[in-house]
Amino acid sequence: MEKRVLVFYLVWTIVLVALPMISANAEVDALYIFKSKLQDPTNSLQSWDNLPGNLCTWFHVTCNPEGSVTRV
């Protein structure tokens, strides 16, 4: 029984750690796809790339204190 509880907590911890990374990658992917649908003749969105990183540093992207995108 104790082993099951330990395994449960271990799996739950891994999920909680991985979830923000998955979410951040989803936001990167979504914004990159959005950018690909736009015309950007002045190259204003050159900071938007599909590499994992801090979306909050992208031009015209606003984030909340937790690092999630709140406005484009």
PDB file of N, CA and C in Angstrom:
ATOM      1  N   MET A   1       0.826  -1.196   0.000  1.00  0.00           N
ATOM      2  CA  MET A   1       0.000   0.000   0.000  1.00  0.00           C
ATOM      3  C   MET A   1       0.871   1.260   0.000  1.00  0.00           C
ATOM      4  N   GLU A   2       1.904   1.294   0.852  1.00  0.00           N
ATOM      5  CA  GLU A   2       2.773   2.469   0.904  1.00  0.00           C
ATOM      6  C   GLU A   2       3.467   2.700  -0.430  1.00  0.00           C
ATOM      7  N   LYS A   3       3.826   1.616  -1.099  1.00  0.00           N
ATOM      8  CA  LYS A   3       4.491   1.739  -2.394  1.00  0.00           C
ATOM      9  C   LYS A   3       3.555   2.375  -3.425  1.00  0.00           C
ATOM     10  N   ARG A   4       2.284   2.013  -3.390  1.00  0.00           N
ATOM     11  CA  ARG A   4       1.309   2.601  -4.312  1.00  0.00           C
ATOM     12  C   ARG A   4       1.161   4.099  -4.072  1.00  0.00           C
ATOM     13  N   VAL A   5       1.113   4.482  -2.822  1.00  0.00           N
ATOM     14  CA  VAL A   5       0.982   5.897  -2.480  1.00  0.00           C
ATOM     15  C   VAL A   5       2.212   6.659  -2.963  1.00  0.00           C
ATOM     16  N   LEU A   6       3.376   6.095  -2.761  1.00  0.00           N
ATOM     17  CA  LEU A   6       4.613   6.732  -3.200  1.00  0.00           C
ATOM     18  C   LEU A   6       4.638   6.883  -4.722  1.00  0.00           C
ATOM     19  N   VAL A   7       4.244   5.850  -5.433  1.00  0.00           N
ATOM     20  CA  VAL A   7       4.200   5.904  -6.897  1.00  0.00           C
ATOM     21  C   VAL A   7       3.188   6.952  -7.350  1.00  0.00           C
ATOM     22  N   PHE A   8       2.037   7.000  -6.699  1.00  0.00           N
ATOM     23  CA  PHE A   8       1.021   7.990  -7.041  1.00  0.00           C
ATOM     24  C   PHE A   8       1.579   9.405  -6.892  1.00  0.00           C
ATOM     25  N   TYR A   9       2.207   9.699  -5.774  1.00  0.00           N
ATOM     26  CA  TYR A   9       2.763  11.032  -5.554  1.00  0.00           C
ATOM     27  C   TYR A   9       3.894  11.344  -6.524  1.00  0.00           C
ATOM     28  N   LEU A  10       4.681  10.372  -6.862  1.00  0.00           N
ATOM     29  CA  LEU A  10       5.758  10.577  -7.820  1.00  0.00           C
ATOM     30  C   LEU A  10       5.193  10.923  -9.202  1.00  0.00           C
ATOM     31  N   VAL A  11       4.212  10.166  -9.647  1.00  0.00           N
ATOM     32  CA  VAL A  11       3.591  10.435 -10.947  1.00  0.00           C
ATOM     33  C   VAL A  11       2.907  11.796 -10.937  1.00  0.00           C
ATOM     34  N   TRP A  12       2.195  12.107  -9.888  1.00  0.00           N
ATOM     35  CA  TRP A  12       1.499  13.392  -9.773  1.00  0.00           C
ATOM     36  C   TRP A  12       2.488  14.552  -9.810  1.00  0.00           C
ATOM     37  N   THR A  13       3.616  14.412  -9.150  1.00  0.00           N
ATOM     38  CA  THR A  13       4.643  15.449  -9.151  1.00  0.00           C
ATOM     39  C   THR A  13       5.199  15.656 -10.558  1.00  0.00           C
ATOM     40  N   ILE A  14       5.449  14.583 -11.261  1.00  0.00           N
ATOM     41  CA  ILE A  14       5.956  14.686 -12.632  1.00  0.00           C
ATOM     42  C   ILE A  14       4.947  15.404 -13.526  1.00  0.00           C
ATOM     43  N   VAL A  15       3.676  15.076 -13.381  1.00  0.00           N
ATOM     44  CA  VAL A  15       2.632  15.730 -14.173  1.00  0.00           C
ATOM     45  C   VAL A  15       2.589  17.221 -13.868  1.00  0.00           C
ATOM     46  N   LEU A  16       2.647  17.585 -12.609  1.00  0.00           N
ATOM     47  CA  LEU A  16       2.589  18.998 -12.230  1.00  0.00           C
ATOM     48  C   LEU A  16       3.791  19.780 -12.732  1.00  0.00           C
ATOM     49  N   VAL A  17       4.938  19.145 -12.775  1.00  0.00           N
ATOM     50  CA  VAL A  17       6.142  19.811 -13.275  1.00  0.00           C
ATOM     51  C   VAL A  17       6.079  19.950 -14.796  1.00  0.00           C
ATOM     52  N   ALA A  18       5.586  18.944 -15.486  1.00  0.00           N
ATOM     53  CA  ALA A  18       5.562  18.947 -16.949  1.00  0.00           C
ATOM     54  C   ALA A  18       4.452  19.811 -17.530  1.00  0.00           C
ATOM     55  N   LEU A  19       3.364  19.974 -16.820  1.00  0.00           N
ATOM     56  CA  LEU A  19       2.206  20.690 -17.350  1.00  0.00           C
ATOM     57  C   LEU A  19       2.512  22.121 -17.795  1.00  0.00           C
ATOM     58  N   PRO A  20       3.200  22.938 -17.009  1.00  0.00           N
ATOM     59  CA  PRO A  20       3.498  24.299 -17.484  1.00  0.00           C
ATOM     60  C   PRO A  20       4.343  24.309 -18.752  1.00  0.00           C
ATOM     61  N   MET A  21       5.256  23.370 -18.896  1.00  0.00           N
ATOM     62  CA  MET A  21       6.084  23.311 -20.098  1.00  0.00           C
ATOM     63  C   MET A  21       5.232  22.981 -21.313  1.00  0.00           C
ATOM     64  N   ILE A  22       4.293  22.070 -21.159  1.00  0.00           N
ATOM     65  CA  ILE A  22       3.401  21.701 -22.258  1.00  0.00           C
ATOM     66  C   ILE A  22       2.531  22.893 -22.628  1.00  0.00           C
ATOM     67  N   SER A  23       2.023  23.590 -21.622  1.00  0.00           N
ATOM     68  CA  SER A  23       1.176  24.753 -21.851  1.00  0.00           C
ATOM     69  C   SER A  23       1.943  25.851 -22.576  1.00  0.00           C
ATOM     70  N   ALA A  24       3.167  26.125 -22.149  1.00  0.00           N
ATOM     71  CA  ALA A  24       3.978  27.160 -22.784  1.00  0.00           C
ATOM     72  C   ALA A  24       4.248  26.811 -24.238  1.00  0.00           C
ATOM     73  N   ASN A  25       4.547  25.552 -24.519  1.00  0.00           N
ATOM     74  CA  ASN A  25       4.786  25.144 -25.899  1.00  0.00           C
ATOM     75  C   ASN A  25       3.530  25.293 -26.742  1.00  0.00           C
ATOM     76  N   ALA A  26       2.376  25.046 -26.160  1.00  0.00           N
ATOM     77  CA  ALA A  26       1.115  25.205 -26.888  1.00  0.00           C
ATOM     78  C   ALA A  26       0.895  26.670 -27.253  1.00  0.00           C
ATOM     79  N   GLU A  27       1.232  27.575 -26.347  1.00  0.00           N
ATOM     80  CA  GLU A  27       1.095  29.002 -26.635  1.00  0.00           C
ATOM     81  C   GLU A  27       2.065  29.423 -27.732  1.00  0.00           C
ATOM     82  N   VAL A  28       3.294  28.931 -27.683  1.00  0.00           N
ATOM     83  CA  VAL A  28       4.279  29.229 -28.733  1.00  0.00           C
ATOM     84  C   VAL A  28       3.745  28.753 -30.079  1.00  0.00           C
ATOM     85  N   ASP A  29       3.287  27.523 -30.118  1.00  0.00           N
ATOM     86  CA  ASP A  29       2.776  26.955 -31.369  1.00  0.00           C
ATOM     87  C   ASP A  29       1.585  27.754 -31.894  1.00  0.00           C
ATOM     88  N   ALA A  30       0.662  28.094 -31.011  1.00  0.00           N
ATOM     89  CA  ALA A  30      -0.538  28.825 -31.425  1.00  0.00           C
ATOM     90  C   ALA A  30      -0.185  30.204 -31.980  1.00  0.00           C
ATOM     91  N   LEU A  31       0.697  30.920 -31.305  1.00  0.00           N
ATOM     92  CA  LEU A  31       1.066  32.249 -31.785  1.00  0.00           C
ATOM     93  C   LEU A  31       1.875  32.180 -33.075  1.00  0.00           C
ATOM     94  N   TYR A  32       2.706  31.169 -33.205  1.00  0.00           N
ATOM     95  CA  TYR A  32       3.485  31.025 -34.433  1.00  0.00           C
ATOM     96  C   TYR A  32       2.570  30.726 -35.625  1.00  0.00           C
ATOM     97  N   ILE A  33       1.561  29.897 -35.422  1.00  0.00           N
ATOM     98  CA  ILE A  33       0.587  29.614 -36.482  1.00  0.00           C
ATOM     99  C   ILE A  33      -0.203  30.880 -36.813  1.00  0.00           C
ATOM    100  N   PHE A  34      -0.605  31.614 -35.773  1.00  0.00           N
ATOM    101  CA  PHE A  34      -1.316  32.879 -35.974  1.00  0.00           C
ATOM    102  C   PHE A  34      -0.464  33.831 -36.817  1.00  0.00           C
ATOM    103  N   LYS A  35       0.826  33.939 -36.480  1.00  0.00           N
ATOM    104  CA  LYS A  35       1.738  34.816 -37.217  1.00  0.00           C
ATOM    105  C   LYS A  35       1.837  34.396 -38.683  1.00  0.00           C
ATOM    106  N   SER A  36       1.854  33.101 -38.935  1.00  0.00           N
ATOM    107  CA  SER A  36       2.001  32.619 -40.313  1.00  0.00           C
ATOM    108  C   SER A  36       0.803  33.004 -41.183  1.00  0.00           C
ATOM    109  N   LYS A  37      -0.321  33.327 -40.561  1.00  0.00           N
ATOM    110  CA  LYS A  37      -1.523  33.719 -41.301  1.00  0.00           C
ATOM    111  C   LYS A  37      -1.578  35.226 -41.554  1.00  0.00           C
ATOM    112  N   LEU A  38      -0.669  35.978 -40.955  1.00  0.00           N
ATOM    113  CA  LEU A  38      -0.669  37.431 -41.084  1.00  0.00           C
ATOM    114  C   LEU A  38       0.285  37.884 -42.178  1.00  0.00           C
ATOM    115  N   GLN A  39       0.024  39.066 -42.709  1.00  0.00           N
ATOM    116  CA  GLN A  39       0.987  39.723 -43.583  1.00  0.00           C
ATOM    117  C   GLN A  39       1.757  40.700 -42.715  1.00  0.00           C
ATOM    118  N   ASP A  40       3.071  40.619 -42.760  1.00  0.00           N
ATOM    119  CA  ASP A  40       3.924  41.466 -41.925  1.00  0.00           C
ATOM    120  C   ASP A  40       5.008  42.107 -42.800  1.00  0.00           C
ATOM    121  N   PRO A  41       4.617  43.072 -43.651  1.00  0.00           N
ATOM    122  CA  PRO A  41       5.582  43.650 -44.590  1.00  0.00           C
ATOM    123  C   PRO A  41       6.722  44.415 -43.919  1.00  0.00           C
ATOM    124  N   THR A  42       6.503  44.910 -42.706  1.00  0.00           N
ATOM    125  CA  THR A  42       7.567  45.645 -42.007  1.00  0.00           C
ATOM    126  C   THR A  42       8.370  44.750 -41.073  1.00  0.00           C
ATOM    127  N   ASN A  43       8.058  43.466 -41.079  1.00  0.00           N
ATOM    128  CA  ASN A  43       8.767  42.482 -40.247  1.00  0.00           C
ATOM    129  C   ASN A  43       8.702  42.840 -38.758  1.00  0.00           C
ATOM    130  N   SER A  44       7.559  43.362 -38.337  1.00  0.00           N
ATOM    131  CA  SER A  44       7.369  43.759 -36.936  1.00  0.00           C
ATOM    132  C   SER A  44       7.389  42.580 -35.980  1.00  0.00           C
ATOM    133  N   LEU A  45       7.041  41.419 -36.500  1.00  0.00           N
ATOM    134  CA  LEU A  45       6.920  40.245 -35.638  1.00  0.00           C
ATOM    135  C   LEU A  45       8.116  39.304 -35.774  1.00  0.00           C
ATOM    136  N   GLN A  46       9.270  39.849 -36.118  1.00  0.00           N
ATOM    137  CA  GLN A  46      10.447  38.999 -36.296  1.00  0.00           C
ATOM    138  C   GLN A  46      10.872  38.313 -35.007  1.00  0.00           C
ATOM    139  N   SER A  47      10.493  38.863 -33.858  1.00  0.00           N
ATOM    140  CA  SER A  47      10.852  38.226 -32.580  1.00  0.00           C
ATOM    141  C   SER A  47       9.991  36.997 -32.298  1.00  0.00           C
ATOM    142  N   TRP A  48       8.947  36.805 -33.081  1.00  0.00           N
ATOM    143  CA  TRP A  48       8.069  35.647 -32.908  1.00  0.00           C
ATOM    144  C   TRP A  48       8.681  34.460 -33.639  1.00  0.00           C
ATOM    145  N   ASP A  49       9.246  33.545 -32.914  1.00  0.00           N
ATOM    146  CA  ASP A  49       9.756  32.327 -33.526  1.00  0.00           C
ATOM    147  C   ASP A  49       9.148  31.140 -32.802  1.00  0.00           C
ATOM    148  N   ASN A  50       9.294  29.976 -33.352  1.00  0.00           N
ATOM    149  CA  ASN A  50       8.665  28.808 -32.738  1.00  0.00           C
ATOM    150  C   ASN A  50       9.614  28.042 -31.837  1.00  0.00           C
ATOM    151  N   LEU A  51      10.651  28.702 -31.363  1.00  0.00           N
ATOM    152  CA  LEU A  51      11.570  28.078 -30.423  1.00  0.00           C
ATOM    153  C   LEU A  51      11.029  28.218 -29.010  1.00  0.00           C
ATOM    154  N   PRO A  52      11.224  27.208 -28.176  1.00  0.00           N
ATOM    155  CA  PRO A  52      10.795  27.347 -26.782  1.00  0.00           C
ATOM    156  C   PRO A  52      11.524  28.522 -26.138  1.00  0.00           C
ATOM    157  N   GLY A  53      10.807  29.272 -25.392  1.00  0.00           N
ATOM    158  CA  GLY A  53      11.412  30.427 -24.750  1.00  0.00           C
ATOM    159  C   GLY A  53      10.361  31.266 -24.072  1.00  0.00           C
ATOM    160  N   ASN A  54      10.721  32.479 -23.798  1.00  0.00           N
ATOM    161  CA  ASN A  54       9.831  33.368 -23.081  1.00  0.00           C
ATOM    162  C   ASN A  54       8.987  34.175 -24.059  1.00  0.00           C
ATOM    163  N   LEU A  55       7.731  33.802 -24.179  1.00  0.00           N
ATOM    164  CA  LEU A  55       6.806  34.522 -25.056  1.00  0.00           C
ATOM    165  C   LEU A  55       6.655  35.974 -24.645  1.00  0.00           C
ATOM    166  N   CYS A  56       6.876  36.249 -23.389  1.00  0.00           N
ATOM    167  CA  CYS A  56       6.658  37.592 -22.859  1.00  0.00           C
ATOM    168  C   CYS A  56       7.663  38.597 -23.413  1.00  0.00           C
ATOM    169  N   THR A  57       8.712  38.117 -24.068  1.00  0.00           N
ATOM    170  CA  THR A  57       9.680  39.023 -24.680  1.00  0.00           C
ATOM    171  C   THR A  57       9.338  39.307 -26.138  1.00  0.00           C
ATOM    172  N   TRP A  58       8.327  38.634 -26.665  1.00  0.00           N
ATOM    173  CA  TRP A  58       7.945  38.853 -28.057  1.00  0.00           C
ATOM    174  C   TRP A  58       7.272  40.216 -28.200  1.00  0.00           C
ATOM    175  N   PHE A  59       7.540  40.884 -29.309  1.00  0.00           N
ATOM    176  CA  PHE A  59       6.967  42.190 -29.601  1.00  0.00           C
ATOM    177  C   PHE A  59       5.446  42.077 -29.715  1.00  0.00           C
ATOM    178  N   HIS A  60       4.737  42.977 -29.072  1.00  0.00           N
ATOM    179  CA  HIS A  60       3.268  43.035 -29.064  1.00  0.00           C
ATOM    180  C   HIS A  60       2.606  41.883 -28.305  1.00  0.00           C
ATOM    181  N   VAL A  61       3.312  41.206 -27.421  1.00  0.00           N
ATOM    182  CA  VAL A  61       2.735  40.136 -26.602  1.00  0.00           C
ATOM    183  C   VAL A  61       2.814  40.570 -25.146  1.00  0.00           C
ATOM    184  N   THR A  62       1.695  40.490 -24.443  1.00  0.00           N
ATOM    185  CA  THR A  62       1.631  40.846 -23.027  1.00  0.00           C
ATOM    186  C   THR A  62       1.305  39.596 -22.227  1.00  0.00           C
ATOM    187  N   CYS A  63       1.982  39.449 -21.090  1.00  0.00           N
ATOM    188  CA  CYS A  63       1.788  38.269 -20.245  1.00  0.00           C
ATOM    189  C   CYS A  63       1.385  38.672 -18.835  1.00  0.00           C
ATOM    190  N   ASN A  64       0.786  37.719 -18.132  1.00  0.00           N
ATOM    191  CA  ASN A  64       0.478  37.928 -16.718  1.00  0.00           C
ATOM    192  C   ASN A  64       1.713  37.557 -15.893  1.00  0.00           C
ATOM    193  N   PRO A  65       1.682  37.780 -14.575  1.00  0.00           N
ATOM    194  CA  PRO A  65       2.848  37.461 -13.742  1.00  0.00           C
ATOM    195  C   PRO A  65       3.266  35.989 -13.780  1.00  0.00           C
ATOM    196  N   GLU A  66       2.343  35.104 -14.133  1.00  0.00           N
ATOM    197  CA  GLU A  66       2.673  33.678 -14.206  1.00  0.00           C
ATOM    198  C   GLU A  66       3.350  33.316 -15.524  1.00  0.00           C
ATOM    199  N   GLY A  67       3.394  34.254 -16.473  1.00  0.00           N
ATOM    200  CA  GLY A  67       4.055  34.007 -17.749  1.00  0.00           C
ATOM    201  C   GLY A  67       3.156  33.508 -18.857  1.00  0.00           C
ATOM    202  N   SER A  68       1.845  33.554 -18.644  1.00  0.00           N
ATOM    203  CA  SER A  68       0.910  33.154 -19.700  1.00  0.00           C
ATOM    204  C   SER A  68       0.501  34.380 -20.509  1.00  0.00           C
ATOM    205  N   VAL A  69       0.281  34.179 -21.784  1.00  0.00           N
ATOM    206  CA  VAL A  69      -0.107  35.275 -22.670  1.00  0.00           C
ATOM    207  C   VAL A  69      -1.513  35.751 -22.313  1.00  0.00           C
ATOM    208  N   THR A  70      -1.660  37.070 -22.178  1.00  0.00           N
ATOM    209  CA  THR A  70      -2.969  37.650 -21.869  1.00  0.00           C
ATOM    210  C   THR A  70      -3.466  38.573 -22.974  1.00  0.00           C
ATOM    211  N   ARG A  71      -2.542  39.056 -23.814  1.00  0.00           N
ATOM    212  CA  ARG A  71      -2.952  39.995 -24.861  1.00  0.00           C
ATOM    213  C   ARG A  71      -1.947  39.963 -26.005  1.00  0.00           C
ATOM    214  N   VAL A  72      -2.486  40.086 -27.209  1.00  0.00           N
ATOM    215  CA  VAL A  72      -1.642  40.188 -28.409  1.00  0.00           C
ATOM    216  C   VAL A  72      -2.077  41.424 -29.164  1.00  0.00           C
TER     217      VAL A  72
END
